[in-house]
């Protein structure tokens, strides 16, 4: 079930095979929930599952609707990327290769996706040169990444319900 239309637009169809949780202020972000920018000032705590510490993951967080859902010419906008996350740990154990930039949507309701990919090995994934017009699917193909989990949510400006 994909209430936000993320599959096909940002991610290729896949089946979750590794547990992934993203927490803000100790509250888990659930698929389709609505977050305000004030809740996302600090990076979420992202926990990954798996069963072998020698398996490494890459996590990306993108805005599928930048700068606005009606004219998303910067999509996807890369807000955060962490590579070399060992299985059974959290993103804080990986390498933050694109520093967290908190969401600040100015118009409309933006779809945010946190995606987790299995890497071929350690030190095999490299950050892109820019944040705008990032393409999660292409990035995964280029870096031989396999998607294993995702969570997605809506974010809109502090006051108002769209626009």
N, C-alpha and C. Protein backbone atom coordinates (compact mmCIF):
# COMPACT_ATOMS: atom_id res chain seq x y z
N UNK A 1 0.85 -1.19 0.00
CA UNK A 1 0.00 0.00 0.00
C UNK A 1 0.89 1.24 0.00
N UNK A 2 0.61 2.15 -0.91
CA UNK A 2 1.44 3.35 -1.09
C UNK A 2 0.54 4.56 -1.22
N UNK A 3 0.06 5.10 -0.08
CA UNK A 3 -0.91 6.20 -0.15
C UNK A 3 -0.35 7.48 -0.77
N UNK A 4 0.98 7.62 -0.82
CA UNK A 4 1.56 8.88 -1.32
C UNK A 4 2.03 8.79 -2.77
N UNK A 5 1.89 7.63 -3.39
CA UNK A 5 2.35 7.50 -4.77
C UNK A 5 3.86 7.55 -4.92
N UNK A 6 4.57 7.01 -3.95
CA UNK A 6 6.03 7.04 -3.96
C UNK A 6 6.61 5.94 -4.86
N UNK A 7 5.98 4.76 -4.81
CA UNK A 7 6.47 3.65 -5.62
C UNK A 7 6.18 3.95 -7.08
N UNK A 8 7.21 3.83 -7.90
CA UNK A 8 7.08 4.17 -9.31
C UNK A 8 7.53 5.59 -9.59
N UNK A 9 7.28 6.50 -8.64
CA UNK A 9 7.70 7.89 -8.82
C UNK A 9 9.12 8.10 -8.30
N UNK A 10 9.40 7.59 -7.11
CA UNK A 10 10.72 7.74 -6.50
C UNK A 10 11.44 6.39 -6.42
N UNK A 11 10.70 5.37 -6.01
CA UNK A 11 11.29 4.04 -5.82
C UNK A 11 10.70 3.05 -6.80
N UNK A 12 11.51 2.10 -7.23
CA UNK A 12 10.99 0.99 -8.01
C UNK A 12 10.23 0.06 -7.07
N UNK A 13 9.26 -0.69 -7.59
CA UNK A 13 8.54 -1.63 -6.72
C UNK A 13 9.52 -2.61 -6.06
N UNK A 14 9.30 -2.89 -4.79
CA UNK A 14 10.17 -3.80 -4.04
C UNK A 14 9.41 -4.34 -2.86
N UNK A 15 10.01 -5.31 -2.19
CA UNK A 15 9.44 -5.87 -0.96
C UNK A 15 10.39 -5.57 0.19
N UNK A 16 9.85 -5.04 1.29
CA UNK A 16 10.68 -4.81 2.47
C UNK A 16 11.32 -6.11 2.91
N UNK A 17 12.65 -6.11 3.07
CA UNK A 17 13.33 -7.32 3.52
C UNK A 17 14.21 -7.09 4.74
N UNK A 18 14.34 -5.82 5.15
CA UNK A 18 15.13 -5.47 6.33
C UNK A 18 14.30 -4.47 7.13
N UNK A 19 14.34 -4.58 8.45
CA UNK A 19 13.56 -3.63 9.24
C UNK A 19 14.22 -2.25 9.22
N UNK A 20 13.39 -1.22 9.19
CA UNK A 20 13.85 0.16 9.15
C UNK A 20 12.88 0.97 9.99
N UNK A 21 13.41 1.75 10.93
CA UNK A 21 12.55 2.66 11.68
C UNK A 21 13.22 4.01 11.73
N UNK A 22 12.40 5.05 11.62
CA UNK A 22 12.88 6.43 11.72
C UNK A 22 12.10 7.06 12.87
N UNK A 23 12.83 7.59 13.84
CA UNK A 23 12.19 8.17 15.02
C UNK A 23 12.54 9.64 15.16
N UNK A 24 11.52 10.42 15.50
CA UNK A 24 11.69 11.84 15.81
C UNK A 24 11.18 12.00 17.24
N UNK A 25 12.01 12.53 18.11
CA UNK A 25 11.62 12.69 19.52
C UNK A 25 11.02 11.40 20.08
N UNK A 26 11.68 10.28 19.78
CA UNK A 26 11.28 8.94 20.25
C UNK A 26 9.91 8.50 19.72
N UNK A 27 9.39 9.16 18.70
CA UNK A 27 8.13 8.75 18.08
C UNK A 27 8.43 8.24 16.68
N UNK A 28 7.95 7.05 16.37
CA UNK A 28 8.26 6.47 15.06
C UNK A 28 7.47 7.17 13.96
N UNK A 29 8.15 7.45 12.86
CA UNK A 29 7.51 8.02 11.68
C UNK A 29 6.85 6.86 10.94
N UNK A 30 5.55 6.97 10.72
CA UNK A 30 4.84 5.90 10.02
C UNK A 30 4.51 6.35 8.61
N UNK A 31 4.40 5.39 7.69
CA UNK A 31 4.09 5.71 6.30
C UNK A 31 2.84 6.55 6.20
N UNK A 32 2.95 7.68 5.49
CA UNK A 32 1.80 8.53 5.24
C UNK A 32 1.51 9.56 6.31
N UNK A 33 2.28 9.56 7.42
CA UNK A 33 2.00 10.54 8.47
C UNK A 33 2.40 11.94 8.01
N UNK A 34 1.89 12.93 8.71
CA UNK A 34 2.20 14.33 8.37
C UNK A 34 3.12 14.89 9.43
N UNK A 35 4.24 15.46 8.99
CA UNK A 35 5.22 16.08 9.88
C UNK A 35 5.28 17.57 9.56
N UNK A 36 5.62 18.35 10.58
CA UNK A 36 5.85 19.79 10.40
C UNK A 36 7.36 20.03 10.41
N UNK A 37 7.83 21.08 9.71
CA UNK A 37 9.27 21.36 9.72
C UNK A 37 9.87 21.46 11.12
N UNK A 38 9.09 22.00 12.07
CA UNK A 38 9.62 22.15 13.43
C UNK A 38 9.93 20.80 14.07
N UNK A 39 9.28 19.72 13.60
CA UNK A 39 9.55 18.39 14.13
C UNK A 39 10.80 17.77 13.50
N UNK A 40 11.24 18.36 12.38
CA UNK A 40 12.33 17.77 11.60
C UNK A 40 13.58 18.63 11.60
N UNK A 41 13.70 19.53 12.58
CA UNK A 41 14.88 20.39 12.66
C UNK A 41 16.13 19.53 12.84
N UNK A 42 16.03 18.54 13.72
CA UNK A 42 17.15 17.61 13.93
C UNK A 42 16.91 16.34 13.14
N UNK A 43 17.99 15.72 12.72
CA UNK A 43 17.85 14.52 11.90
C UNK A 43 17.13 13.42 12.68
N UNK A 44 16.33 12.63 11.98
CA UNK A 44 15.67 11.51 12.65
C UNK A 44 16.71 10.48 13.10
N UNK A 45 16.35 9.67 14.08
CA UNK A 45 17.17 8.52 14.44
C UNK A 45 16.69 7.38 13.56
N UNK A 46 17.57 6.88 12.72
CA UNK A 46 17.21 5.83 11.78
C UNK A 46 17.89 4.54 12.20
N UNK A 47 17.08 3.53 12.52
CA UNK A 47 17.59 2.22 12.94
C UNK A 47 17.40 1.21 11.81
N UNK A 48 18.42 0.40 11.58
CA UNK A 48 18.33 -0.61 10.53
C UNK A 48 18.47 -2.00 11.15
N UNK A 49 17.80 -2.94 10.52
CA UNK A 49 17.82 -4.32 10.98
C UNK A 49 18.91 -5.11 10.29
N UNK A 50 18.57 -6.31 9.89
CA UNK A 50 19.55 -7.21 9.32
C UNK A 50 20.13 -8.08 10.42
N UNK A 51 21.03 -8.96 10.05
CA UNK A 51 21.55 -9.89 11.06
C UNK A 51 23.06 -10.09 11.00
N UNK A 52 23.74 -9.37 10.11
CA UNK A 52 25.18 -9.57 9.96
C UNK A 52 25.87 -8.21 9.93
N UNK A 53 26.70 -7.93 10.92
CA UNK A 53 27.40 -6.63 11.00
C UNK A 53 28.31 -6.38 9.80
N UNK A 54 28.60 -7.43 9.03
CA UNK A 54 29.46 -7.24 7.85
C UNK A 54 28.66 -6.81 6.63
N UNK A 55 27.34 -6.67 6.80
CA UNK A 55 26.49 -6.16 5.72
C UNK A 55 26.32 -4.66 5.96
N UNK A 56 26.49 -3.88 4.88
CA UNK A 56 26.40 -2.43 4.99
C UNK A 56 25.27 -1.87 4.15
N UNK A 57 24.70 -0.77 4.66
CA UNK A 57 23.56 -0.15 4.01
C UNK A 57 23.81 1.34 3.75
N UNK A 58 23.12 1.84 2.74
CA UNK A 58 23.08 3.27 2.43
C UNK A 58 21.66 3.75 2.66
N UNK A 59 21.52 4.90 3.33
CA UNK A 59 20.22 5.49 3.58
C UNK A 59 20.18 6.85 2.91
N UNK A 60 19.09 7.12 2.19
CA UNK A 60 18.88 8.45 1.60
C UNK A 60 17.53 8.99 2.06
N UNK A 61 17.46 10.31 2.16
CA UNK A 61 16.19 10.98 2.44
C UNK A 61 16.01 12.05 1.38
N UNK A 62 14.91 11.96 0.62
CA UNK A 62 14.67 12.89 -0.47
C UNK A 62 13.29 13.52 -0.36
N UNK A 63 13.18 14.71 -0.95
CA UNK A 63 11.91 15.41 -1.11
C UNK A 63 11.49 15.17 -2.56
N UNK A 64 10.36 14.48 -2.74
CA UNK A 64 9.89 14.14 -4.09
C UNK A 64 9.17 15.29 -4.76
N UNK A 65 8.97 16.40 -4.05
CA UNK A 65 8.13 17.49 -4.56
C UNK A 65 8.78 18.87 -4.44
N UNK A 66 10.09 18.94 -4.62
CA UNK A 66 10.78 20.23 -4.48
C UNK A 66 10.79 20.98 -5.81
N UNK A 67 10.64 22.32 -5.79
CA UNK A 67 10.35 23.14 -4.61
C UNK A 67 8.86 23.18 -4.25
N UNK A 68 7.98 22.72 -5.16
CA UNK A 68 6.56 22.66 -4.82
C UNK A 68 5.92 21.52 -5.61
N UNK A 69 4.88 20.91 -5.04
CA UNK A 69 4.24 19.78 -5.73
C UNK A 69 3.69 20.15 -7.10
N UNK A 70 3.27 21.40 -7.28
CA UNK A 70 2.71 21.80 -8.58
C UNK A 70 3.80 22.06 -9.62
N UNK A 71 5.04 22.29 -9.17
CA UNK A 71 6.15 22.54 -10.08
C UNK A 71 7.43 21.95 -9.49
N UNK A 72 7.53 20.61 -9.46
CA UNK A 72 8.66 19.97 -8.76
C UNK A 72 9.93 19.87 -9.62
N UNK A 73 10.40 21.01 -10.13
CA UNK A 73 11.52 20.98 -11.08
C UNK A 73 12.86 20.66 -10.43
N UNK A 74 12.95 20.65 -9.11
CA UNK A 74 14.20 20.26 -8.44
C UNK A 74 14.15 18.81 -7.95
N UNK A 75 13.02 18.13 -8.18
CA UNK A 75 12.87 16.79 -7.63
C UNK A 75 13.90 15.86 -8.21
N UNK A 76 14.37 14.94 -7.52
CA UNK A 76 14.23 14.77 -6.10
C UNK A 76 15.30 15.61 -5.43
N UNK A 77 14.99 16.20 -4.30
CA UNK A 77 15.97 16.99 -3.56
C UNK A 77 16.52 16.13 -2.44
N UNK A 78 17.83 15.96 -2.44
CA UNK A 78 18.49 15.08 -1.48
C UNK A 78 18.73 15.82 -0.17
N UNK A 79 18.04 15.41 0.88
CA UNK A 79 18.18 16.06 2.18
C UNK A 79 19.24 15.41 3.05
N UNK A 80 19.55 14.13 2.80
CA UNK A 80 20.46 13.43 3.71
C UNK A 80 20.90 12.14 3.07
N UNK A 81 22.19 11.78 3.27
CA UNK A 81 22.68 10.49 2.82
C UNK A 81 23.74 9.98 3.79
N UNK A 82 23.56 8.74 4.20
CA UNK A 82 24.52 8.07 5.07
C UNK A 82 24.87 6.73 4.42
N UNK A 83 26.16 6.46 4.29
CA UNK A 83 26.61 5.19 3.71
C UNK A 83 27.30 4.34 4.78
N UNK A 84 27.58 3.11 4.44
CA UNK A 84 28.35 2.19 5.31
C UNK A 84 27.72 2.04 6.70
N UNK A 85 26.39 1.93 6.75
CA UNK A 85 25.71 1.68 8.02
C UNK A 85 25.73 0.17 8.25
N UNK A 86 26.38 -0.30 9.33
CA UNK A 86 26.39 -1.74 9.58
C UNK A 86 24.99 -2.24 9.96
N UNK A 87 24.64 -3.44 9.52
CA UNK A 87 23.36 -4.04 9.89
C UNK A 87 23.25 -4.06 11.41
N UNK A 88 22.03 -4.01 11.89
CA UNK A 88 21.67 -4.07 13.32
C UNK A 88 22.07 -2.82 14.11
N UNK A 89 22.40 -1.73 13.41
CA UNK A 89 22.80 -0.51 14.12
C UNK A 89 21.89 0.65 13.69
N UNK A 90 22.39 1.86 13.79
CA UNK A 90 21.63 3.03 13.34
C UNK A 90 22.50 3.87 12.42
N UNK A 91 21.87 4.85 11.77
CA UNK A 91 22.59 5.71 10.82
C UNK A 91 23.77 6.41 11.48
N UNK A 92 23.71 6.60 12.79
CA UNK A 92 24.81 7.28 13.48
C UNK A 92 26.11 6.46 13.43
N UNK A 93 26.03 5.18 13.07
CA UNK A 93 27.22 4.34 12.95
C UNK A 93 27.79 4.36 11.53
N UNK A 94 27.09 5.02 10.61
CA UNK A 94 27.55 5.08 9.22
C UNK A 94 28.33 6.35 8.95
N UNK A 95 28.60 6.60 7.66
CA UNK A 95 29.30 7.81 7.22
C UNK A 95 28.27 8.77 6.64
N UNK A 96 28.14 9.93 7.27
CA UNK A 96 27.22 10.95 6.75
C UNK A 96 27.93 11.66 5.59
N UNK A 97 27.62 11.26 4.36
CA UNK A 97 28.31 11.81 3.19
C UNK A 97 27.59 13.02 2.60
N UNK A 98 26.29 13.15 2.87
CA UNK A 98 25.55 14.38 2.55
C UNK A 98 24.87 14.78 3.86
N UNK A 99 25.31 15.90 4.42
CA UNK A 99 24.84 16.31 5.73
C UNK A 99 23.35 16.60 5.73
N UNK A 100 22.72 16.31 6.85
CA UNK A 100 21.27 16.49 7.00
C UNK A 100 20.89 17.95 6.81
N UNK A 101 19.92 18.18 5.97
CA UNK A 101 19.33 19.51 5.77
C UNK A 101 17.86 19.37 6.10
N UNK A 102 17.40 20.10 7.11
CA UNK A 102 16.01 19.93 7.55
C UNK A 102 15.04 20.46 6.49
N UNK A 103 13.90 19.78 6.34
CA UNK A 103 12.89 20.21 5.37
C UNK A 103 12.29 21.56 5.73
N UNK A 104 12.12 22.39 4.69
CA UNK A 104 11.47 23.70 4.89
C UNK A 104 10.54 23.97 3.71
N UNK A 105 9.51 23.14 3.53
CA UNK A 105 8.63 23.36 2.38
C UNK A 105 7.90 24.69 2.48
N UNK A 106 7.88 25.45 1.38
CA UNK A 106 7.23 26.76 1.41
C UNK A 106 5.82 26.70 0.84
N UNK A 107 5.54 25.73 -0.01
CA UNK A 107 4.21 25.62 -0.61
C UNK A 107 3.83 24.17 -0.78
N UNK A 108 2.59 23.88 -0.51
CA UNK A 108 2.08 22.54 -0.77
C UNK A 108 2.52 21.50 0.25
N UNK A 109 2.06 20.30 0.00
CA UNK A 109 2.41 19.16 0.85
C UNK A 109 3.47 18.35 0.10
N UNK A 110 4.61 18.19 0.73
CA UNK A 110 5.73 17.51 0.09
C UNK A 110 5.82 16.08 0.59
N UNK A 111 6.15 15.17 -0.34
CA UNK A 111 6.36 13.77 0.02
C UNK A 111 7.85 13.56 0.29
N UNK A 112 8.16 13.04 1.46
CA UNK A 112 9.54 12.72 1.81
C UNK A 112 9.70 11.22 1.89
N UNK A 113 10.82 10.74 1.38
CA UNK A 113 11.09 9.31 1.37
C UNK A 113 12.43 9.06 2.04
N UNK A 114 12.44 8.13 2.98
CA UNK A 114 13.69 7.61 3.55
C UNK A 114 13.81 6.20 3.00
N UNK A 115 14.87 5.95 2.23
CA UNK A 115 15.04 4.64 1.60
C UNK A 115 16.34 4.02 2.09
N UNK A 116 16.30 2.72 2.26
CA UNK A 116 17.46 1.96 2.73
C UNK A 116 17.86 0.96 1.66
N UNK A 117 19.16 0.96 1.33
CA UNK A 117 19.69 0.09 0.29
C UNK A 117 20.83 -0.77 0.84
N UNK A 118 20.88 -2.01 0.40
CA UNK A 118 22.01 -2.88 0.74
C UNK A 118 23.14 -2.58 -0.23
N UNK A 119 24.34 -2.40 0.33
CA UNK A 119 25.54 -2.13 -0.47
C UNK A 119 26.23 -3.44 -0.83
N UNK A 120 27.04 -3.39 -1.90
CA UNK A 120 27.85 -4.55 -2.27
C UNK A 120 28.93 -4.79 -1.22
N UNK A 121 29.45 -3.72 -0.65
CA UNK A 121 30.50 -3.82 0.37
C UNK A 121 30.76 -2.45 0.95
N UNK A 122 31.69 -2.40 1.88
CA UNK A 122 32.02 -1.13 2.52
C UNK A 122 32.78 -0.23 1.54
N UNK A 123 32.60 1.08 1.68
CA UNK A 123 33.31 2.07 0.84
C UNK A 123 33.05 1.87 -0.65
N UNK A 124 31.82 1.50 -1.01
CA UNK A 124 31.49 1.30 -2.43
C UNK A 124 30.51 2.34 -2.94
N UNK A 125 30.04 3.23 -2.05
CA UNK A 125 29.03 4.22 -2.42
C UNK A 125 29.58 5.62 -2.16
N UNK A 126 29.39 6.49 -3.14
CA UNK A 126 29.94 7.84 -3.04
C UNK A 126 28.84 8.88 -3.23
N UNK A 127 28.98 9.98 -2.53
CA UNK A 127 27.97 11.04 -2.56
C UNK A 127 27.93 11.71 -3.92
N UNK A 128 26.74 12.16 -4.33
CA UNK A 128 26.64 12.95 -5.57
C UNK A 128 27.22 14.34 -5.33
N UNK A 129 27.40 15.09 -6.40
CA UNK A 129 28.00 16.43 -6.30
C UNK A 129 26.99 17.51 -5.92
N UNK A 130 25.70 17.22 -6.03
CA UNK A 130 24.69 18.22 -5.71
C UNK A 130 23.46 17.53 -5.14
N UNK A 131 22.59 18.33 -4.53
CA UNK A 131 21.39 17.81 -3.87
C UNK A 131 20.17 17.81 -4.79
N UNK A 132 20.05 18.82 -5.66
CA UNK A 132 18.84 18.93 -6.47
C UNK A 132 18.90 17.99 -7.68
N UNK A 133 17.72 17.58 -8.14
CA UNK A 133 17.57 16.66 -9.27
C UNK A 133 18.29 15.33 -9.04
N UNK A 134 18.33 14.92 -7.79
CA UNK A 134 18.84 13.60 -7.44
C UNK A 134 17.82 12.58 -7.93
N UNK A 135 18.27 11.41 -8.36
CA UNK A 135 17.35 10.37 -8.79
C UNK A 135 17.69 9.10 -8.03
N UNK A 136 16.83 8.75 -7.07
CA UNK A 136 17.10 7.62 -6.18
C UNK A 136 17.30 6.33 -6.96
N UNK A 137 16.43 6.08 -7.94
CA UNK A 137 16.51 4.84 -8.71
C UNK A 137 17.81 4.77 -9.51
N UNK A 138 18.16 5.87 -10.19
CA UNK A 138 19.42 5.88 -10.96
C UNK A 138 20.63 5.73 -10.05
N UNK A 139 20.59 6.44 -8.93
CA UNK A 139 21.69 6.37 -7.98
C UNK A 139 21.91 4.93 -7.51
N UNK A 140 20.81 4.25 -7.22
CA UNK A 140 20.90 2.85 -6.78
C UNK A 140 21.52 1.98 -7.87
N UNK A 141 21.09 2.18 -9.12
CA UNK A 141 21.63 1.38 -10.22
C UNK A 141 23.12 1.62 -10.40
N UNK A 142 23.53 2.88 -10.40
CA UNK A 142 24.94 3.24 -10.61
C UNK A 142 25.82 2.64 -9.52
N UNK A 143 25.32 2.61 -8.29
CA UNK A 143 26.12 2.14 -7.16
C UNK A 143 25.85 0.69 -6.76
N UNK A 144 25.14 -0.04 -7.63
CA UNK A 144 24.83 -1.45 -7.38
C UNK A 144 24.15 -1.66 -6.03
N UNK A 145 23.19 -0.80 -5.74
CA UNK A 145 22.45 -0.87 -4.48
C UNK A 145 21.13 -1.59 -4.70
N UNK A 146 20.72 -2.35 -3.70
CA UNK A 146 19.43 -3.05 -3.74
C UNK A 146 18.54 -2.47 -2.65
N UNK A 147 17.37 -1.99 -3.03
CA UNK A 147 16.47 -1.42 -2.02
C UNK A 147 15.91 -2.53 -1.15
N UNK A 148 15.95 -2.28 0.17
CA UNK A 148 15.48 -3.29 1.12
C UNK A 148 14.39 -2.76 2.04
N UNK A 149 14.23 -1.44 2.15
CA UNK A 149 13.21 -0.88 3.03
C UNK A 149 13.01 0.59 2.73
N UNK A 150 11.85 1.10 3.13
CA UNK A 150 11.61 2.55 3.03
C UNK A 150 10.51 2.95 4.01
N UNK A 151 10.51 4.23 4.30
CA UNK A 151 9.42 4.84 5.05
C UNK A 151 9.21 6.21 4.42
N UNK A 152 7.95 6.65 4.33
CA UNK A 152 7.69 7.93 3.69
C UNK A 152 6.60 8.67 4.44
N UNK A 153 6.71 9.99 4.36
CA UNK A 153 5.80 10.85 5.11
C UNK A 153 5.58 12.14 4.36
N UNK A 154 4.55 12.88 4.77
CA UNK A 154 4.28 14.19 4.20
C UNK A 154 4.85 15.26 5.12
N UNK A 155 5.26 16.36 4.52
CA UNK A 155 5.69 17.51 5.31
C UNK A 155 5.14 18.76 4.64
N UNK A 156 4.60 19.65 5.44
CA UNK A 156 4.09 20.92 4.93
C UNK A 156 4.51 22.02 5.88
N UNK A 157 4.40 23.27 5.39
CA UNK A 157 4.86 24.37 6.23
C UNK A 157 4.10 24.41 7.53
N UNK A 158 4.68 25.09 8.49
CA UNK A 158 4.20 25.09 9.87
C UNK A 158 2.71 25.44 9.96
N UNK A 159 2.31 26.54 9.31
CA UNK A 159 0.89 26.92 9.35
C UNK A 159 0.29 26.67 7.99
N UNK A 160 -0.95 26.27 7.98
CA UNK A 160 -1.60 26.07 6.69
C UNK A 160 -1.63 24.60 6.31
N UNK A 161 -2.41 24.31 5.33
CA UNK A 161 -2.59 22.92 4.93
C UNK A 161 -2.44 22.80 3.45
N UNK A 162 -1.28 23.17 2.95
CA UNK A 162 -1.04 23.05 1.51
C UNK A 162 -0.74 24.39 0.91
N UNK A 163 -1.29 24.65 -0.23
CA UNK A 163 -1.09 25.96 -0.84
C UNK A 163 -0.44 25.81 -2.15
